[in-house]
Protein backbone atom coordinates (compact mmCIF):
# COMPACT_ATOMS: atom_id res chain seq x y z
CA MET A 1 10.23 0.89 -31.54
CA SER A 2 9.65 4.64 -31.92
CA ILE A 3 10.29 7.02 -29.04
CA ILE A 4 7.15 8.03 -27.15
CA GLY A 5 7.20 11.42 -25.41
CA HIS A 6 10.27 13.41 -24.28
CA LYS A 7 9.81 15.82 -27.20
CA LYS A 8 11.92 18.62 -25.68
CA ILE A 9 14.88 16.31 -25.10
CA ILE A 10 14.67 14.70 -28.54
CA ASP A 11 14.33 18.10 -30.24
CA SER A 12 17.34 19.50 -28.33
CA LEU A 13 19.49 16.54 -29.42
CA GLU A 14 18.35 16.95 -33.02
CA ARG A 15 19.24 20.66 -32.94
CA ALA A 16 22.65 19.90 -31.44
CA MET A 17 23.46 17.59 -34.37
CA LEU A 18 22.47 20.28 -36.88
CA ARG A 19 24.55 23.11 -35.37
CA ARG A 20 27.73 23.34 -37.40
CA ASN A 21 29.46 26.16 -35.53
CA THR A 22 28.95 24.68 -32.05
CA PRO A 23 30.61 21.35 -31.23
CA LEU A 24 28.54 18.61 -29.64
CA ALA A 25 28.98 17.82 -25.97
CA CYS A 26 31.42 14.91 -25.59
CA SER A 27 29.42 13.28 -22.79
CA TYR A 28 25.77 13.10 -21.79
CA LEU A 29 23.97 11.88 -18.70
CA PHE A 30 20.50 10.52 -19.39
CA CYS A 31 18.84 10.12 -16.00
CA GLY A 32 15.33 9.30 -14.89
CA PRO A 33 13.04 6.48 -13.77
CA GLU A 34 13.25 2.94 -15.08
CA ALA A 35 11.68 2.11 -18.47
CA VAL A 36 10.87 5.69 -19.57
CA GLY A 37 12.87 5.51 -22.82
CA LYS A 38 16.39 6.64 -21.87
CA PHE A 39 18.18 3.82 -23.69
CA LEU A 40 15.97 4.09 -26.78
CA ALA A 41 16.69 7.83 -27.00
CA ALA A 42 20.43 7.22 -26.51
CA LYS A 43 20.49 4.50 -29.18
CA ASN A 44 18.57 6.66 -31.66
CA PHE A 45 20.91 9.65 -31.03
CA SER A 46 24.03 7.46 -31.36
CA ASP A 47 22.84 5.79 -34.56
CA LYS A 48 22.31 9.18 -36.20
CA LEU A 49 25.68 10.52 -35.03
CA THR A 50 27.50 7.47 -36.36
CA ASN A 51 25.54 7.56 -39.61
CA TRP A 52 24.45 3.98 -39.13
CA GLN A 53 22.73 2.22 -42.02
CA LYS A 54 20.05 -0.12 -40.66
CA GLU A 55 20.96 -3.04 -42.89
CA SER A 56 24.45 -3.29 -41.36
CA PHE A 57 26.12 -3.75 -37.95
CA ASN A 58 27.01 -0.45 -36.28
CA SER A 59 30.76 -0.86 -35.77
CA ASN A 60 31.03 2.70 -34.45
CA LEU A 61 28.77 2.07 -31.44
CA LEU A 62 29.84 0.28 -28.26
CA ILE A 63 27.24 -0.62 -25.64
CA ILE A 64 28.49 -1.37 -22.13
CA GLU A 65 26.09 -2.88 -19.61
CA PRO A 66 26.27 -5.01 -16.47
CA GLU A 67 26.64 -8.75 -16.84
CA VAL A 68 23.80 -10.74 -15.29
CA GLU A 69 24.63 -13.67 -13.03
CA GLU A 70 22.23 -16.47 -12.13
CA LYS A 71 22.31 -18.45 -8.92
CA ASP A 72 19.59 -20.85 -7.82
CA GLY A 73 17.22 -19.34 -10.37
CA ILE A 74 17.85 -15.80 -9.08
CA PHE A 75 19.19 -13.23 -11.54
CA LYS A 76 21.29 -10.26 -10.43
CA GLU A 77 23.23 -7.55 -12.25
CA LYS A 78 26.95 -7.54 -11.51
CA GLU A 79 29.05 -4.39 -11.18
CA ILE A 80 30.75 -2.94 -14.26
CA LYS A 81 34.50 -3.33 -13.80
CA ILE A 82 37.48 -1.37 -15.09
CA GLU A 83 38.03 -3.90 -17.89
CA ALA A 84 34.92 -2.54 -19.64
CA ILE A 85 36.38 0.99 -19.59
CA LYS A 86 39.72 -0.30 -20.90
CA LYS A 87 37.79 -1.80 -23.82
CA LEU A 88 36.19 1.62 -24.34
CA GLN A 89 39.64 3.26 -24.38
CA LYS A 90 40.78 0.78 -27.01
CA GLU A 91 37.68 1.37 -29.16
CA PHE A 92 38.15 5.13 -29.03
CA SER A 93 41.78 4.77 -30.09
CA LEU A 94 40.69 3.21 -33.39
CA THR A 95 39.73 5.22 -36.45
CA SER A 96 35.98 5.27 -36.87
CA PHE A 97 34.46 3.59 -39.90
CA GLY A 98 33.69 6.18 -42.57
CA LYS A 99 35.21 8.98 -40.42
CA ASN A 100 31.98 9.30 -38.46
CA TYR A 101 31.54 9.70 -34.71
CA ARG A 102 32.36 6.81 -32.40
CA ALA A 103 29.73 6.48 -29.67
CA THR A 104 29.46 4.54 -26.42
CA ILE A 105 26.35 3.97 -24.34
CA ILE A 106 26.91 2.85 -20.75
CA ARG A 107 23.66 1.33 -19.56
CA SER A 108 23.02 1.21 -15.78
CA ALA A 109 26.08 3.40 -15.29
CA GLN A 110 25.38 3.45 -11.55
CA LYS A 111 26.80 -0.10 -11.59
CA LEU A 112 30.29 1.18 -12.47
CA ASN A 113 32.59 0.35 -9.57
CA ILE A 114 34.93 3.04 -8.23
CA SER A 115 37.93 1.88 -10.30
CA ALA A 116 35.83 1.93 -13.47
CA GLN A 117 34.47 5.38 -12.62
CA ASN A 118 37.96 6.80 -12.09
CA ALA A 119 39.13 5.33 -15.40
CA LEU A 120 36.07 6.76 -17.14
CA LEU A 121 36.75 10.16 -15.59
CA LYS A 122 40.15 10.29 -17.31
CA ILE A 123 38.46 9.77 -20.69
CA LEU A 124 35.87 12.45 -19.94
CA GLU A 125 38.62 14.91 -18.98
CA GLU A 126 40.40 14.46 -22.33
CA PRO A 127 37.90 12.94 -24.77
CA PRO A 128 39.23 11.85 -28.18
CA LYS A 129 38.03 13.82 -31.18
CA ASN A 130 34.65 12.84 -32.66
CA THR A 131 33.64 10.62 -29.76
CA ILE A 132 30.60 10.74 -27.53
CA ILE A 133 29.70 8.88 -24.33
CA ILE A 134 26.15 8.57 -23.01
CA LEU A 135 25.67 7.41 -19.43
CA ILE A 136 22.23 6.01 -18.58
CA VAL A 137 21.30 6.04 -14.89
CA GLU A 138 18.32 5.87 -12.61
CA ASP A 139 20.23 7.28 -9.63
CA GLU A 140 23.02 9.71 -10.51
CA LYS A 141 23.97 10.03 -6.83
CA LYS A 142 25.90 6.76 -7.26
CA LEU A 143 28.25 8.44 -9.74
CA LEU A 144 31.26 10.55 -8.81
CA PRO A 145 30.35 14.27 -8.74
CA THR A 146 33.30 14.93 -11.07
CA ILE A 147 31.75 12.60 -13.68
CA ILE A 148 28.37 14.32 -13.42
CA SER A 149 29.98 17.77 -13.78
CA ARG A 150 31.50 16.77 -17.12
CA CYS A 151 28.23 15.60 -18.63
CA GLN A 152 25.36 17.46 -20.25
CA ILE A 153 22.36 16.26 -18.25
CA LYS A 154 19.06 15.23 -19.82
CA ARG A 155 16.33 14.41 -17.32
CA PHE A 156 13.65 12.01 -18.50
CA GLU A 157 10.29 12.20 -16.74
CA LEU A 158 7.31 9.88 -16.52
CA LEU A 159 4.90 10.18 -19.44
CA SER A 160 1.33 11.36 -19.17
CA SER A 161 -1.60 8.94 -19.46
CA GLU A 162 -2.40 10.52 -22.83
CA GLU A 163 1.09 9.80 -24.16
CA ILE A 164 1.03 6.21 -22.87
CA GLY A 165 -2.43 5.79 -24.39
CA GLU A 166 -0.93 6.33 -27.87
CA MET A 167 0.71 2.91 -27.52
CA PHE A 168 -2.53 0.98 -27.12
CA ASP A 169 -5.19 0.33 -29.73
CA ALA A 170 -8.56 1.78 -28.73
CA SER A 171 -10.17 -1.65 -29.17
CA LEU A 172 -8.03 -3.39 -26.53
CA PRO A 173 -10.35 -4.69 -23.76
CA ASP A 174 -7.82 -3.94 -20.96
CA ARG A 175 -6.64 -0.66 -22.46
CA GLU A 176 -7.47 1.58 -19.47
CA GLU A 177 -5.89 -0.86 -17.00
CA MET A 178 -2.78 -1.11 -19.16
CA ILE A 179 -2.48 2.68 -19.27
CA PHE A 180 -2.84 2.91 -15.48
CA TRP A 181 -0.40 0.08 -14.66
CA SER A 182 2.17 1.44 -17.11
CA LEU A 183 2.56 4.20 -14.51
CA GLY A 184 4.01 6.62 -17.04
CA ARG A 185 6.62 4.14 -18.32
CA PRO A 186 6.49 3.24 -22.02
CA GLY A 187 8.82 0.28 -21.39
CA TRP A 188 6.21 -1.26 -19.10
CA ALA A 189 3.48 -0.48 -21.62
CA GLN A 190 5.49 -2.33 -24.27
CA ASN A 191 5.82 -5.32 -21.92
CA PHE A 192 2.03 -5.49 -21.58
CA LEU A 193 1.75 -5.74 -25.36
CA GLN A 194 4.46 -8.41 -25.63
CA LYS A 195 3.73 -10.57 -22.59
CA GLU A 196 0.13 -11.55 -21.85
CA THR A 197 0.77 -12.32 -18.17
CA GLU A 198 2.60 -9.04 -17.42
CA LEU A 199 -0.52 -7.05 -16.50
CA GLU A 200 -1.77 -9.74 -14.11
CA GLU A 201 1.67 -9.98 -12.49
CA LYS A 202 1.71 -6.24 -11.80
CA LYS A 203 -1.82 -6.38 -10.42
CA GLU A 204 -0.89 -9.28 -8.12
CA ILE A 205 2.04 -7.33 -6.68
CA ALA A 206 -0.22 -4.32 -6.17
CA LYS A 207 -2.88 -6.48 -4.51
CA GLU A 208 -0.28 -7.85 -2.11
CA PHE A 209 0.90 -4.29 -1.42
CA GLN A 210 -2.66 -3.19 -0.68
CA SER A 211 -3.11 -6.03 1.79
CA LEU A 212 -0.08 -4.89 3.82
CA PHE A 213 -2.19 -2.16 5.42
CA SER A 214 -4.60 -4.68 6.95
CA MET A 215 -2.36 -7.69 7.67
CA SER A 216 -1.95 -9.09 11.16
CA LEU A 217 1.51 -9.27 12.74
CA ASN A 218 1.81 -13.00 12.05
CA GLU A 219 0.81 -12.51 8.42
CA LYS A 220 3.48 -9.81 7.99
CA LEU A 221 6.16 -12.00 9.55
CA PHE A 222 5.20 -14.89 7.26
CA LEU A 223 5.27 -12.63 4.19
CA ALA A 224 8.68 -11.25 5.22
CA GLU A 225 10.01 -14.80 5.32
CA GLN A 226 8.68 -15.53 1.82
CA LEU A 227 9.88 -12.26 0.29
CA SER A 228 13.41 -12.55 1.71
CA LYS A 229 14.02 -15.87 -0.10
CA ASN A 230 14.50 -14.10 -3.45
CA THR A 231 16.35 -10.80 -3.13
CA PRO A 232 16.10 -9.60 -6.79
CA GLN A 233 12.35 -10.36 -6.82
CA LEU A 234 11.98 -8.60 -3.46
CA LEU A 235 13.75 -5.48 -4.77
CA ALA A 236 11.58 -5.48 -7.91
CA LYS A 237 8.45 -5.64 -5.75
CA ILE A 238 9.44 -2.85 -3.39
CA ASP A 239 10.40 -0.70 -6.39
CA LEU A 240 6.77 -1.00 -7.52
CA TRP A 241 5.63 -0.17 -3.96
CA ILE A 242 7.63 3.06 -4.14
CA ILE A 243 6.11 3.95 -7.50
CA LEU A 244 2.58 3.36 -6.19
CA LEU A 245 3.25 5.50 -3.12
CA ARG A 246 4.67 8.31 -5.25
CA SER A 247 1.50 8.22 -7.33
CA ILE A 248 -0.45 8.90 -4.12
CA ILE A 249 1.77 11.89 -3.26
CA LEU A 250 1.33 13.29 -6.78
CA GLY A 251 -2.45 12.98 -6.44
CA ARG A 252 -2.77 10.46 -9.25
CA LYS A 253 -5.31 7.66 -9.39
CA SER A 254 -4.71 5.18 -6.58
CA PHE A 255 -6.36 2.06 -5.22
CA VAL A 256 -4.89 2.48 -1.71
CA SER A 257 -6.30 4.98 0.78
CA VAL A 258 -3.17 6.48 2.35
CA PHE A 259 -2.47 10.07 3.34
CA PRO A 260 0.39 11.70 1.38
CA LEU A 261 2.48 12.24 4.54
CA LYS A 262 2.15 8.55 5.43
CA ALA A 263 3.09 7.63 1.85
CA LEU A 264 6.18 9.85 2.08
CA LYS A 265 7.26 8.24 5.36
CA LEU A 266 6.80 4.77 3.87
CA ILE A 267 8.90 5.70 0.84
CA GLU A 268 11.70 6.85 3.14
CA GLU A 269 11.56 3.57 5.09
CA ILE A 270 11.46 1.46 1.90
CA GLU A 271 14.42 3.37 0.39
CA LYS A 272 16.37 2.90 3.63
CA SER A 273 15.62 -0.83 3.65
CA LYS A 274 16.49 -1.17 -0.02
CA LYS A 275 19.84 0.56 0.51
CA THR A 276 20.66 -1.76 3.42
CA ILE A 277 19.75 -4.88 1.44
CA ASN A 278 21.80 -3.74 -1.57
CA GLY A 279 24.83 -2.42 0.27
CA THR A 280 25.39 -4.81 3.16
CA ASN A 281 25.28 -8.48 4.10
CA SER A 282 22.54 -7.86 6.63
CA ASN A 283 19.77 -10.38 7.25
CA ALA A 284 17.21 -9.60 4.53
CA ARG A 285 14.41 -11.28 6.45
CA LEU A 286 14.96 -9.10 9.52
CA ILE A 287 15.09 -5.95 7.37
CA VAL A 288 11.83 -6.84 5.61
CA GLU A 289 10.14 -7.70 8.91
CA ASN A 290 11.00 -4.26 10.31
CA LEU A 291 9.84 -2.62 7.09
CA LEU A 292 6.46 -4.37 7.03
CA LEU A 293 5.79 -3.29 10.61
CA GLU A 294 5.69 0.30 9.28
CA PHE A 295 2.51 -0.45 7.29
């Protein structure tokens, strides 16, 4: 899949590879919203640095990402532990194939636990020659400030409707809806093309979100009970709620009539609830009940 948008970032990385008198940064931080193309850009950059030939396995590239655990049909990303960074240290100690760069992409780097982050920091402080590390995050605040300070930061933004529109054939019957529900994220646009039910699933979540503003107390309490039964699904839903509310604040097309100040307050409450659900063993149902009462 080719990279859509982010021309300034891609061009700056291309120029950095061509500069012979200025060494490349040893570490990069690619940050920005989910599904905007951060990993694709990192993979493309790494493949070029390591001189990868497409017909072969890239032995000079290591990709570290959270393991996913499943329990009762619920999938959840686990934290990245220090063992993953020890593997990185071992890889960097080896001579690269063909004397090219050795590259590592750490996907969802915000999942690195504190021991793993401290171990990574030691590598960033004294990086081996001809190595590069790319951290991919949605929320850099979860990384140690000392890690961030040692990285060259590339901020990926949401794409325009025009850029997203390049991904869809003009003859598609749901083209305009797909562009809107991609919400500036080419990864979501790609999902619409690959999975027929994806668009309807997004619309169902949005319809439920819209109904929150007119639900009775009993309806909200019942919904809170249903949502709290599947935490990963709940978090995915409220992430979409945040995106929809941000679209209102930015003055983009919206199907919900909410004042920007109200949208901002709701985002703050949702973020607070999300943090509590993620970071504590609190009763998810009670948290969701209190959140829904804000609508």
